[in-house]
Amino acid sequence: MVRIRLRRVGLKKQPSYRIVVADRESPRDGRYIEIIGFYNPRTEPITMDIKEDRALYWLSVGAQPSEPVARILDKLGTKARFERLRKGEPMEALVAEAAAQKAARPPQNPKTRRPAPVGQPGAPKAE
């Protein structure tokens, strides 16, 4: 079975995640089939980005999202678009809608705004 799930990247105590399609039995940070998105909970507001066409494709061939990925897909509107795809709407129209929605969002600075924990490399010195 194929799952859509998060793969942790980033430094110790400074996580960010890639949204990947992987076999259910692969380890969390192990082998994957394809990277379809990115999730960074450390920015303000939280960064969530996904390749809509690939996510819809993998959902349509039976990939099951993990619980955190299902929440991300719900927030981005991908779940609703997938239901519309199952009812017969063309994928091109749904992907164009997602691209327009993404373009309407305000630009986001990819740099992390939350400070690193004190005592970690790159963290501000406690005085």
N, C-alpha and C. Protein backbone atom coordinates (compact mmCIF):
# COMPACT_ATOMS: atom_id res chain seq x y z
N MET A 1 0.83 -1.18 0.00
CA MET A 1 0.00 0.00 0.00
C MET A 1 0.88 1.24 0.00
N VAL A 2 0.46 2.23 -0.72
CA VAL A 2 1.20 3.48 -0.83
C VAL A 2 0.56 4.52 0.08
N ARG A 3 1.40 5.27 0.80
CA ARG A 3 0.93 6.31 1.73
C ARG A 3 1.50 7.65 1.32
N ILE A 4 0.75 8.70 1.58
CA ILE A 4 1.25 10.07 1.46
C ILE A 4 1.51 10.51 2.88
N ARG A 5 2.77 10.83 3.20
CA ARG A 5 3.10 11.15 4.58
C ARG A 5 4.22 12.17 4.67
N LEU A 6 4.54 12.56 5.89
CA LEU A 6 5.59 13.55 6.12
C LEU A 6 6.93 12.87 6.30
N ARG A 7 7.96 13.51 5.77
CA ARG A 7 9.33 13.04 5.93
C ARG A 7 10.09 14.17 6.60
N ARG A 8 10.67 13.94 7.76
CA ARG A 8 11.30 15.00 8.53
C ARG A 8 12.64 15.36 7.93
N VAL A 9 12.89 16.66 7.79
CA VAL A 9 14.18 17.20 7.39
C VAL A 9 14.48 18.37 8.32
N GLY A 10 15.69 18.86 8.31
CA GLY A 10 16.03 19.99 9.15
C GLY A 10 16.95 19.58 10.28
N LEU A 11 17.42 20.58 11.00
CA LEU A 11 18.34 20.34 12.10
C LEU A 11 17.63 19.79 13.33
N LYS A 12 18.41 19.38 14.28
CA LYS A 12 17.85 18.88 15.54
C LYS A 12 17.03 19.98 16.20
N LYS A 13 15.82 19.66 16.61
CA LYS A 13 14.87 20.57 17.25
C LYS A 13 14.45 21.73 16.36
N GLN A 14 14.68 21.62 15.06
CA GLN A 14 14.24 22.63 14.11
C GLN A 14 13.64 21.93 12.90
N PRO A 15 12.50 21.26 13.06
CA PRO A 15 11.99 20.42 11.99
C PRO A 15 11.29 21.18 10.89
N SER A 16 11.40 20.67 9.71
CA SER A 16 10.52 21.00 8.59
C SER A 16 10.29 19.66 7.90
N TYR A 17 9.29 19.60 7.07
CA TYR A 17 8.88 18.31 6.53
C TYR A 17 8.67 18.38 5.03
N ARG A 18 8.97 17.28 4.37
CA ARG A 18 8.59 17.11 2.97
C ARG A 18 7.37 16.19 2.96
N ILE A 19 6.44 16.48 2.07
CA ILE A 19 5.29 15.60 1.90
C ILE A 19 5.68 14.64 0.78
N VAL A 20 5.76 13.36 1.11
CA VAL A 20 6.25 12.36 0.16
C VAL A 20 5.23 11.24 -0.03
N VAL A 21 5.36 10.58 -1.17
CA VAL A 21 4.61 9.36 -1.44
C VAL A 21 5.59 8.22 -1.21
N ALA A 22 5.24 7.31 -0.31
CA ALA A 22 6.15 6.22 0.05
C ALA A 22 5.37 4.95 0.30
N ASP A 23 6.07 3.84 0.21
CA ASP A 23 5.48 2.57 0.58
C ASP A 23 5.19 2.58 2.08
N ARG A 24 4.12 1.97 2.47
CA ARG A 24 3.69 1.99 3.87
C ARG A 24 4.75 1.42 4.80
N GLU A 25 5.54 0.49 4.34
CA GLU A 25 6.50 -0.19 5.21
C GLU A 25 7.87 0.47 5.23
N SER A 26 8.09 1.52 4.45
CA SER A 26 9.36 2.24 4.50
C SER A 26 9.46 3.04 5.79
N PRO A 27 10.67 3.24 6.33
CA PRO A 27 10.81 4.05 7.53
C PRO A 27 10.45 5.52 7.26
N ARG A 28 10.20 6.26 8.34
CA ARG A 28 9.76 7.65 8.21
C ARG A 28 10.67 8.47 7.31
N ASP A 29 11.96 8.39 7.52
CA ASP A 29 12.91 9.16 6.73
C ASP A 29 13.62 8.30 5.70
N GLY A 30 13.04 7.17 5.37
CA GLY A 30 13.67 6.24 4.44
C GLY A 30 13.27 6.46 3.01
N ARG A 31 13.23 5.38 2.28
CA ARG A 31 12.96 5.40 0.85
C ARG A 31 11.57 5.95 0.54
N TYR A 32 11.47 6.74 -0.53
CA TYR A 32 10.19 7.29 -0.95
C TYR A 32 10.09 7.21 -2.46
N ILE A 33 8.89 7.37 -2.97
CA ILE A 33 8.65 7.30 -4.41
C ILE A 33 8.78 8.68 -5.05
N GLU A 34 8.14 9.69 -4.42
CA GLU A 34 8.12 11.03 -5.01
C GLU A 34 7.87 12.06 -3.92
N ILE A 35 8.51 13.23 -4.07
CA ILE A 35 8.24 14.36 -3.19
C ILE A 35 7.14 15.19 -3.85
N ILE A 36 6.05 15.43 -3.12
CA ILE A 36 4.95 16.20 -3.72
C ILE A 36 4.67 17.51 -3.00
N GLY A 37 5.39 17.79 -1.91
CA GLY A 37 5.10 19.04 -1.22
C GLY A 37 6.06 19.32 -0.09
N PHE A 38 5.75 20.39 0.65
CA PHE A 38 6.60 20.87 1.72
C PHE A 38 5.72 21.44 2.82
N TYR A 39 6.15 21.24 4.08
CA TYR A 39 5.42 21.75 5.23
C TYR A 39 6.43 22.24 6.25
N ASN A 40 6.32 23.51 6.66
CA ASN A 40 7.22 24.06 7.67
C ASN A 40 6.39 24.71 8.76
N PRO A 41 6.28 24.05 9.92
CA PRO A 41 5.48 24.61 11.00
C PRO A 41 6.17 25.73 11.77
N ARG A 42 7.43 26.02 11.46
CA ARG A 42 8.18 27.01 12.23
C ARG A 42 8.07 28.43 11.69
N THR A 43 7.43 28.62 10.57
CA THR A 43 7.27 29.97 10.04
C THR A 43 5.96 30.57 10.54
N GLU A 44 5.84 31.86 10.45
CA GLU A 44 4.60 32.56 10.80
C GLU A 44 4.09 33.25 9.56
N PRO A 45 2.98 32.90 8.97
CA PRO A 45 2.15 31.73 9.22
C PRO A 45 2.83 30.46 8.70
N ILE A 46 2.30 29.33 9.08
CA ILE A 46 2.87 28.03 8.71
C ILE A 46 2.90 27.88 7.19
N THR A 47 4.02 27.40 6.66
CA THR A 47 4.17 27.19 5.22
C THR A 47 3.68 25.81 4.84
N MET A 48 2.73 25.77 3.91
CA MET A 48 2.24 24.50 3.37
C MET A 48 2.18 24.67 1.85
N ASP A 49 2.88 23.81 1.14
CA ASP A 49 2.90 23.88 -0.32
C ASP A 49 2.83 22.47 -0.86
N ILE A 50 2.03 22.28 -1.91
CA ILE A 50 1.87 20.95 -2.46
C ILE A 50 1.71 21.05 -3.97
N LYS A 51 2.23 20.06 -4.69
CA LYS A 51 2.02 19.96 -6.13
C LYS A 51 0.64 19.34 -6.32
N GLU A 52 -0.32 20.18 -6.63
CA GLU A 52 -1.72 19.75 -6.67
C GLU A 52 -1.96 18.62 -7.66
N ASP A 53 -1.37 18.72 -8.85
CA ASP A 53 -1.62 17.68 -9.85
C ASP A 53 -1.10 16.32 -9.41
N ARG A 54 0.07 16.29 -8.78
CA ARG A 54 0.63 15.02 -8.32
C ARG A 54 -0.14 14.47 -7.13
N ALA A 55 -0.59 15.34 -6.23
CA ALA A 55 -1.38 14.89 -5.09
C ALA A 55 -2.70 14.29 -5.56
N LEU A 56 -3.37 14.95 -6.51
CA LEU A 56 -4.62 14.42 -7.04
C LEU A 56 -4.39 13.09 -7.76
N TYR A 57 -3.28 13.00 -8.50
CA TYR A 57 -2.97 11.75 -9.19
C TYR A 57 -2.81 10.61 -8.18
N TRP A 58 -1.98 10.82 -7.15
CA TRP A 58 -1.71 9.75 -6.20
C TRP A 58 -2.96 9.38 -5.41
N LEU A 59 -3.78 10.36 -5.07
CA LEU A 59 -5.03 10.04 -4.40
C LEU A 59 -5.95 9.24 -5.30
N SER A 60 -5.94 9.56 -6.61
CA SER A 60 -6.83 8.87 -7.53
C SER A 60 -6.41 7.42 -7.78
N VAL A 61 -5.13 7.10 -7.60
CA VAL A 61 -4.69 5.72 -7.80
C VAL A 61 -4.67 4.94 -6.49
N GLY A 62 -5.18 5.54 -5.41
CA GLY A 62 -5.38 4.79 -4.18
C GLY A 62 -4.42 5.06 -3.05
N ALA A 63 -3.55 6.06 -3.15
CA ALA A 63 -2.64 6.36 -2.05
C ALA A 63 -3.45 6.92 -0.88
N GLN A 64 -3.12 6.47 0.33
CA GLN A 64 -3.82 6.90 1.53
C GLN A 64 -2.99 7.94 2.27
N PRO A 65 -3.53 9.13 2.56
CA PRO A 65 -2.76 10.12 3.32
C PRO A 65 -2.73 9.76 4.81
N SER A 66 -1.62 10.09 5.46
CA SER A 66 -1.54 9.93 6.91
C SER A 66 -2.42 11.01 7.54
N GLU A 67 -2.66 10.92 8.84
CA GLU A 67 -3.53 11.89 9.50
C GLU A 67 -3.03 13.33 9.38
N PRO A 68 -1.73 13.61 9.64
CA PRO A 68 -1.25 14.99 9.49
C PRO A 68 -1.37 15.49 8.04
N VAL A 69 -1.06 14.63 7.09
CA VAL A 69 -1.15 15.02 5.68
C VAL A 69 -2.61 15.24 5.29
N ALA A 70 -3.52 14.44 5.83
CA ALA A 70 -4.94 14.63 5.54
C ALA A 70 -5.40 16.00 6.03
N ARG A 71 -4.92 16.44 7.20
CA ARG A 71 -5.26 17.79 7.70
C ARG A 71 -4.69 18.86 6.79
N ILE A 72 -3.45 18.68 6.31
CA ILE A 72 -2.84 19.65 5.40
C ILE A 72 -3.63 19.71 4.10
N LEU A 73 -3.98 18.56 3.55
CA LEU A 73 -4.75 18.53 2.30
C LEU A 73 -6.12 19.19 2.49
N ASP A 74 -6.70 19.03 3.65
CA ASP A 74 -7.99 19.65 3.94
C ASP A 74 -7.85 21.17 4.00
N LYS A 75 -6.80 21.67 4.67
CA LYS A 75 -6.59 23.11 4.78
C LYS A 75 -6.32 23.75 3.43
N LEU A 76 -5.59 23.04 2.56
CA LEU A 76 -5.27 23.58 1.24
C LEU A 76 -6.41 23.41 0.24
N GLY A 77 -7.43 22.64 0.59
CA GLY A 77 -8.57 22.44 -0.31
C GLY A 77 -8.39 21.29 -1.27
N THR A 78 -7.33 20.54 -1.14
CA THR A 78 -7.06 19.43 -2.06
C THR A 78 -8.08 18.30 -1.88
N LYS A 79 -8.50 18.06 -0.64
CA LYS A 79 -9.49 17.00 -0.40
C LYS A 79 -10.80 17.31 -1.12
N ALA A 80 -11.24 18.56 -1.05
CA ALA A 80 -12.49 18.93 -1.71
C ALA A 80 -12.34 18.81 -3.23
N ARG A 81 -11.19 19.21 -3.75
CA ARG A 81 -10.96 19.09 -5.20
C ARG A 81 -10.90 17.62 -5.61
N PHE A 82 -10.37 16.75 -4.75
CA PHE A 82 -10.33 15.33 -5.06
C PHE A 82 -11.74 14.76 -5.14
N GLU A 83 -12.60 15.17 -4.23
CA GLU A 83 -14.00 14.70 -4.29
C GLU A 83 -14.66 15.16 -5.59
N ARG A 84 -14.38 16.40 -6.01
CA ARG A 84 -14.93 16.89 -7.27
C ARG A 84 -14.34 16.12 -8.46
N LEU A 85 -13.07 15.72 -8.37
CA LEU A 85 -12.45 14.92 -9.43
C LEU A 85 -13.15 13.57 -9.53
N ARG A 86 -13.46 12.98 -8.39
CA ARG A 86 -14.16 11.68 -8.40
C ARG A 86 -15.57 11.79 -8.98
N LYS A 87 -16.16 12.98 -8.89
CA LYS A 87 -17.51 13.17 -9.44
C LYS A 87 -17.48 13.48 -10.94
N GLY A 88 -16.27 13.68 -11.50
CA GLY A 88 -16.19 13.82 -12.95
C GLY A 88 -15.62 15.12 -13.48
N GLU A 89 -15.24 16.06 -12.63
CA GLU A 89 -14.64 17.29 -13.13
C GLU A 89 -13.26 17.00 -13.71
N PRO A 90 -12.85 17.73 -14.74
CA PRO A 90 -11.51 17.47 -15.32
C PRO A 90 -10.40 17.94 -14.39
N MET A 91 -9.31 17.17 -14.37
CA MET A 91 -8.19 17.47 -13.49
C MET A 91 -7.55 18.82 -13.84
N GLU A 92 -7.50 19.16 -15.14
CA GLU A 92 -6.87 20.42 -15.56
C GLU A 92 -7.57 21.62 -14.92
N ALA A 93 -8.90 21.59 -14.86
CA ALA A 93 -9.65 22.70 -14.27
C ALA A 93 -9.37 22.80 -12.77
N LEU A 94 -9.27 21.66 -12.10
CA LEU A 94 -9.01 21.66 -10.67
C LEU A 94 -7.60 22.14 -10.36
N VAL A 95 -6.63 21.74 -11.18
CA VAL A 95 -5.25 22.19 -10.98
C VAL A 95 -5.14 23.69 -11.24
N ALA A 96 -5.85 24.19 -12.26
CA ALA A 96 -5.84 25.63 -12.54
C ALA A 96 -6.47 26.40 -11.37
N GLU A 97 -7.51 25.87 -10.80
CA GLU A 97 -8.14 26.50 -9.63
C GLU A 97 -7.18 26.56 -8.46
N ALA A 98 -6.45 25.48 -8.23
CA ALA A 98 -5.47 25.43 -7.14
C ALA A 98 -4.34 26.43 -7.38
N ALA A 99 -3.89 26.55 -8.63
CA ALA A 99 -2.83 27.51 -8.95
C ALA A 99 -3.30 28.94 -8.72
N ALA A 100 -4.55 29.23 -9.07
CA ALA A 100 -5.10 30.57 -8.85
C ALA A 100 -5.22 30.85 -7.35
N GLN A 101 -5.62 29.85 -6.59
CA GLN A 101 -5.73 30.01 -5.15
C GLN A 101 -4.35 30.25 -4.53
N LYS A 102 -3.34 29.54 -5.03
CA LYS A 102 -1.98 29.71 -4.52
C LYS A 102 -1.44 31.10 -4.87
N ALA A 103 -1.74 31.58 -6.07
CA ALA A 103 -1.27 32.91 -6.48
C ALA A 103 -1.95 34.02 -5.67
N ALA A 104 -3.16 33.76 -5.20
CA ALA A 104 -3.89 34.77 -4.43
C ALA A 104 -3.38 34.90 -3.00
N ARG A 105 -2.67 33.87 -2.51
CA ARG A 105 -2.12 33.96 -1.16
C ARG A 105 -1.02 35.01 -1.11
N PRO A 106 -0.86 35.68 0.02
CA PRO A 106 0.22 36.67 0.12
C PRO A 106 1.58 35.97 0.05
N PRO A 107 2.59 36.66 -0.49
CA PRO A 107 3.91 36.03 -0.56
C PRO A 107 4.44 35.75 0.84
N GLN A 108 5.17 34.68 0.95
CA GLN A 108 5.68 34.26 2.25
C GLN A 108 7.19 34.18 2.23
N ASN A 109 7.79 34.71 3.26
CA ASN A 109 9.22 34.60 3.42
C ASN A 109 9.54 33.20 3.92
N PRO A 110 10.37 32.44 3.20
CA PRO A 110 10.64 31.07 3.62
C PRO A 110 11.53 30.96 4.86
N LYS A 111 12.10 32.07 5.32
CA LYS A 111 12.98 32.00 6.49
C LYS A 111 12.16 31.77 7.74
N THR A 112 12.71 31.03 8.63
CA THR A 112 12.04 30.71 9.87
C THR A 112 11.98 31.94 10.76
N ARG A 113 10.83 32.18 11.33
CA ARG A 113 10.66 33.35 12.18
C ARG A 113 10.74 32.98 13.66
N ARG A 114 10.54 31.72 13.99
CA ARG A 114 10.62 31.32 15.38
C ARG A 114 12.08 31.05 15.73
N PRO A 115 12.53 31.51 16.89
CA PRO A 115 13.94 31.31 17.24
C PRO A 115 14.25 29.85 17.54
N ALA A 116 15.50 29.52 17.33
CA ALA A 116 15.97 28.18 17.68
C ALA A 116 16.01 28.08 19.20
N PRO A 117 15.92 26.87 19.73
CA PRO A 117 16.01 26.70 21.18
C PRO A 117 17.36 27.20 21.69
N VAL A 118 17.37 27.79 22.89
CA VAL A 118 18.60 28.31 23.48
C VAL A 118 19.56 27.15 23.71
N GLY A 119 20.83 27.38 23.42
CA GLY A 119 21.84 26.36 23.61
C GLY A 119 22.14 25.57 22.35
N GLN A 120 21.38 25.79 21.29
CA GLN A 120 21.61 25.10 20.03
C GLN A 120 22.48 25.99 19.13
N PRO A 121 23.21 25.40 18.19
CA PRO A 121 24.00 26.20 17.26
C PRO A 121 23.07 27.15 16.49
N GLY A 122 23.48 28.38 16.38
CA GLY A 122 22.68 29.36 15.66
C GLY A 122 21.64 30.04 16.51
N ALA A 123 21.52 29.62 17.75
CA ALA A 123 20.53 30.22 18.65
C ALA A 123 21.13 31.46 19.33
N PRO A 124 20.29 32.40 19.71
CA PRO A 124 20.81 33.56 20.42
C PRO A 124 21.37 33.14 21.78
N LYS A 125 22.42 33.81 22.20
CA LYS A 125 23.08 33.50 23.48
C LYS A 125 22.23 34.02 24.62
N ALA A 126 22.07 33.24 25.65
CA ALA A 126 21.36 33.68 26.85
C ALA A 126 22.29 34.57 27.64
N GLU A 127 21.82 35.77 28.01
CA GLU A 127 22.67 36.70 28.74
C GLU A 127 22.16 36.95 30.12
